[in-house]
Amino acid sequence: AQEIIDGLELLKAEALGQIPPLNLKRTVIEIEDKSEVLAVRQKLGVSQTMFAKLLHINKRTLENWEQGRTKPNTQAAVLIKLVNNRVELTIYAIKNGIITI
């Protein structure tokens, strides 16, 4: 958490002209293949309805992603990748009411 705060303070200092421009690298986060969304949902062990609620999206949107008709936007892709990287934590949070779906 402190790293995030430090990073935000650096960005603020740059924006105020207090330090030289930072040389930041932009990383594009996207879902490469329709099977990635399905794989994350299956890894989590939830239905389409439950996964859609977890992501705060319409079930039809999730169906479109899983069938390759559309791709998740950047914000959704980041969330899907976070869930994928922390499946156990996500399951714990669901089971203990920290996340409600």
C-alpha atoms as a PDB file:
ATOM      1  CA  ALA A   1       0.000   0.000   0.000  1.00  0.00           C
ATOM      2  CA  GLN A   2       2.861   2.390   0.754  1.00  0.00           C
ATOM      3  CA  GLU A   3       4.250   1.858  -2.757  1.00  0.00           C
ATOM      4  CA  ILE A   4       0.956   3.067  -4.211  1.00  0.00           C
ATOM      5  CA  ILE A   5       0.945   6.151  -1.985  1.00  0.00           C
ATOM      6  CA  ASP A   6       4.567   6.900  -2.898  1.00  0.00           C
ATOM      7  CA  GLY A   7       3.752   6.527  -6.585  1.00  0.00           C
ATOM      8  CA  LEU A   8       0.789   8.867  -6.328  1.00  0.00           C
ATOM      9  CA  GLU A   9       2.925  11.438  -4.517  1.00  0.00           C
ATOM     10  CA  LEU A  10       5.487  11.271  -7.342  1.00  0.00           C
ATOM     11  CA  LEU A  11       2.765  11.759  -9.953  1.00  0.00           C
ATOM     12  CA  LYS A  12       1.427  14.737  -8.021  1.00  0.00           C
ATOM     13  CA  ALA A  13       4.894  16.281  -7.761  1.00  0.00           C
ATOM     14  CA  GLU A  14       5.375  15.815 -11.499  1.00  0.00           C
ATOM     15  CA  ALA A  15       2.003  17.385 -12.275  1.00  0.00           C
ATOM     16  CA  LEU A  16       2.884  20.390 -10.092  1.00  0.00           C
ATOM     17  CA  GLY A  17       6.238  20.778 -11.854  1.00  0.00           C
ATOM     18  CA  GLN A  18       8.164  20.071  -8.658  1.00  0.00           C
ATOM     19  CA  ILE A  19      10.203  17.288 -10.287  1.00  0.00           C
ATOM     20  CA  PRO A  20      11.267  16.569 -13.893  1.00  0.00           C
ATOM     21  CA  PRO A  21       8.826  14.537 -16.010  1.00  0.00           C
ATOM     22  CA  LEU A  22       8.738  10.887 -15.078  1.00  0.00           C
ATOM     23  CA  ASN A  23       9.617   8.381 -17.734  1.00  0.00           C
ATOM     24  CA  LEU A  24       6.641   6.050 -17.279  1.00  0.00           C
ATOM     25  CA  LYS A  25       5.977   2.962 -19.315  1.00  0.00           C
ATOM     26  CA  ARG A  26       2.392   2.416 -20.421  1.00  0.00           C
ATOM     27  CA  THR A  27       1.156  -1.144 -20.267  1.00  0.00           C
ATOM     28  CA  VAL A  28      -1.900  -2.160 -22.232  1.00  0.00           C
ATOM     29  CA  ILE A  29      -4.009  -4.725 -20.429  1.00  0.00           C
ATOM     30  CA  GLU A  30      -6.407  -6.699 -22.546  1.00  0.00           C
ATOM     31  CA  ILE A  31      -7.962 -10.109 -22.840  1.00  0.00           C
ATOM     32  CA  GLU A  32      -6.204 -11.826 -25.719  1.00  0.00           C
ATOM     33  CA  ASP A  33      -8.587 -14.694 -26.301  1.00  0.00           C
ATOM     34  CA  LYS A  34     -12.232 -15.422 -25.512  1.00  0.00           C
ATOM     35  CA  SER A  35     -11.193 -18.597 -23.686  1.00  0.00           C
ATOM     36  CA  GLU A  36      -9.393 -16.488 -21.058  1.00  0.00           C
ATOM     37  CA  VAL A  37     -12.651 -15.121 -19.619  1.00  0.00           C
ATOM     38  CA  LEU A  38     -14.243 -18.573 -19.533  1.00  0.00           C
ATOM     39  CA  ALA A  39     -11.119 -20.085 -17.962  1.00  0.00           C
ATOM     40  CA  VAL A  40     -11.104 -17.505 -15.152  1.00  0.00           C
ATOM     41  CA  ARG A  41     -14.802 -18.067 -14.442  1.00  0.00           C
ATOM     42  CA  GLN A  42     -14.328 -21.843 -14.387  1.00  0.00           C
ATOM     43  CA  LYS A  43     -11.230 -21.506 -12.192  1.00  0.00           C
ATOM     44  CA  LEU A  44     -13.359 -19.496  -9.777  1.00  0.00           C
ATOM     45  CA  GLY A  45     -16.075 -22.170  -9.987  1.00  0.00           C
ATOM     46  CA  VAL A  46     -19.059 -19.857 -10.467  1.00  0.00           C
ATOM     47  CA  SER A  47     -21.916 -19.598 -12.927  1.00  0.00           C
ATOM     48  CA  GLN A  48     -22.144 -16.939 -15.625  1.00  0.00           C
ATOM     49  CA  THR A  49     -24.746 -15.140 -13.527  1.00  0.00           C
ATOM     50  CA  MET A  50     -22.513 -15.063 -10.449  1.00  0.00           C
ATOM     51  CA  PHE A  51     -19.398 -14.031 -12.401  1.00  0.00           C
ATOM     52  CA  ALA A  52     -21.335 -11.243 -14.119  1.00  0.00           C
ATOM     53  CA  LYS A  53     -22.496  -9.977 -10.713  1.00  0.00           C
ATOM     54  CA  LEU A  54     -18.932 -10.126  -9.390  1.00  0.00           C
ATOM     55  CA  LEU A  55     -17.757  -7.989 -12.316  1.00  0.00           C
ATOM     56  CA  HIS A  56     -20.817  -5.694 -12.081  1.00  0.00           C
ATOM     57  CA  ILE A  57     -21.807  -6.384 -15.660  1.00  0.00           C
ATOM     58  CA  ASN A  58     -24.838  -7.753 -17.460  1.00  0.00           C
ATOM     59  CA  LYS A  59     -24.870 -11.527 -17.968  1.00  0.00           C
ATOM     60  CA  ARG A  60     -25.360 -10.956 -21.720  1.00  0.00           C
ATOM     61  CA  THR A  61     -22.099  -8.964 -21.783  1.00  0.00           C
ATOM     62  CA  LEU A  62     -20.276 -11.886 -20.177  1.00  0.00           C
ATOM     63  CA  GLU A  63     -21.830 -14.287 -22.685  1.00  0.00           C
ATOM     64  CA  ASN A  64     -20.615 -12.056 -25.522  1.00  0.00           C
ATOM     65  CA  TRP A  65     -17.085 -12.077 -24.099  1.00  0.00           C
ATOM     66  CA  GLU A  66     -17.045 -15.842 -23.613  1.00  0.00           C
ATOM     67  CA  GLN A  67     -18.336 -16.432 -27.145  1.00  0.00           C
ATOM     68  CA  GLY A  68     -15.861 -13.994 -28.682  1.00  0.00           C
ATOM     69  CA  ARG A  69     -18.439 -11.543 -30.049  1.00  0.00           C
ATOM     70  CA  THR A  70     -16.939  -8.678 -28.022  1.00  0.00           C
ATOM     71  CA  LYS A  71     -13.937  -8.119 -25.763  1.00  0.00           C
ATOM     72  CA  PRO A  72     -13.836  -6.691 -22.245  1.00  0.00           C
ATOM     73  CA  ASN A  73     -12.776  -3.056 -21.980  1.00  0.00           C
ATOM     74  CA  THR A  74      -9.526  -2.209 -20.201  1.00  0.00           C
ATOM     75  CA  GLN A  75     -11.101  -1.811 -16.758  1.00  0.00           C
ATOM     76  CA  ALA A  76     -12.880  -5.161 -17.016  1.00  0.00           C
ATOM     77  CA  ALA A  77      -9.737  -6.845 -18.356  1.00  0.00           C
ATOM     78  CA  VAL A  78      -7.742  -5.595 -15.361  1.00  0.00           C
ATOM     79  CA  LEU A  79     -10.379  -6.890 -12.943  1.00  0.00           C
ATOM     80  CA  ILE A  80     -10.554 -10.286 -14.691  1.00  0.00           C
ATOM     81  CA  LYS A  81      -6.777 -10.613 -14.569  1.00  0.00           C
ATOM     82  CA  LEU A  82      -6.723  -9.633 -10.879  1.00  0.00           C
ATOM     83  CA  VAL A  83      -9.350 -12.255 -10.092  1.00  0.00           C
ATOM     84  CA  ASN A  84      -7.366 -14.813 -12.094  1.00  0.00           C
ATOM     85  CA  ASN A  85      -4.189 -14.025 -10.167  1.00  0.00           C
ATOM     86  CA  ARG A  86      -5.959 -14.114  -6.796  1.00  0.00           C
ATOM     87  CA  VAL A  87      -8.586 -16.830  -7.178  1.00  0.00           C
ATOM     88  CA  GLU A  88      -8.149 -18.157  -3.642  1.00  0.00           C
ATOM     89  CA  LEU A  89      -8.458 -14.673  -2.177  1.00  0.00           C
ATOM     90  CA  THR A  90     -11.560 -13.982  -4.285  1.00  0.00           C
ATOM     91  CA  ILE A  91     -13.185 -17.246  -3.162  1.00  0.00           C
ATOM     92  CA  TYR A  92     -12.335 -16.431   0.462  1.00  0.00           C
ATOM     93  CA  ALA A  93     -13.844 -12.954   0.094  1.00  0.00           C
ATOM     94  CA  ILE A  94     -17.049 -14.385  -1.415  1.00  0.00           C
ATOM     95  CA  LYS A  95     -17.413 -17.123   1.195  1.00  0.00           C
ATOM     96  CA  ASN A  96     -16.849 -14.679   4.062  1.00  0.00           C
ATOM     97  CA  GLY A  97     -19.209 -11.981   2.796  1.00  0.00           C
ATOM     98  CA  ILE A  98     -16.453  -9.502   2.008  1.00  0.00           C
ATOM     99  CA  ILE A  99     -17.627  -9.575  -1.606  1.00  0.00           C
ATOM    100  CA  THR A 100     -21.310 -10.184  -2.198  1.00  0.00           C
ATOM    101  CA  ILE A 101     -22.626 -11.635  -5.435  1.00  0.00           C
END
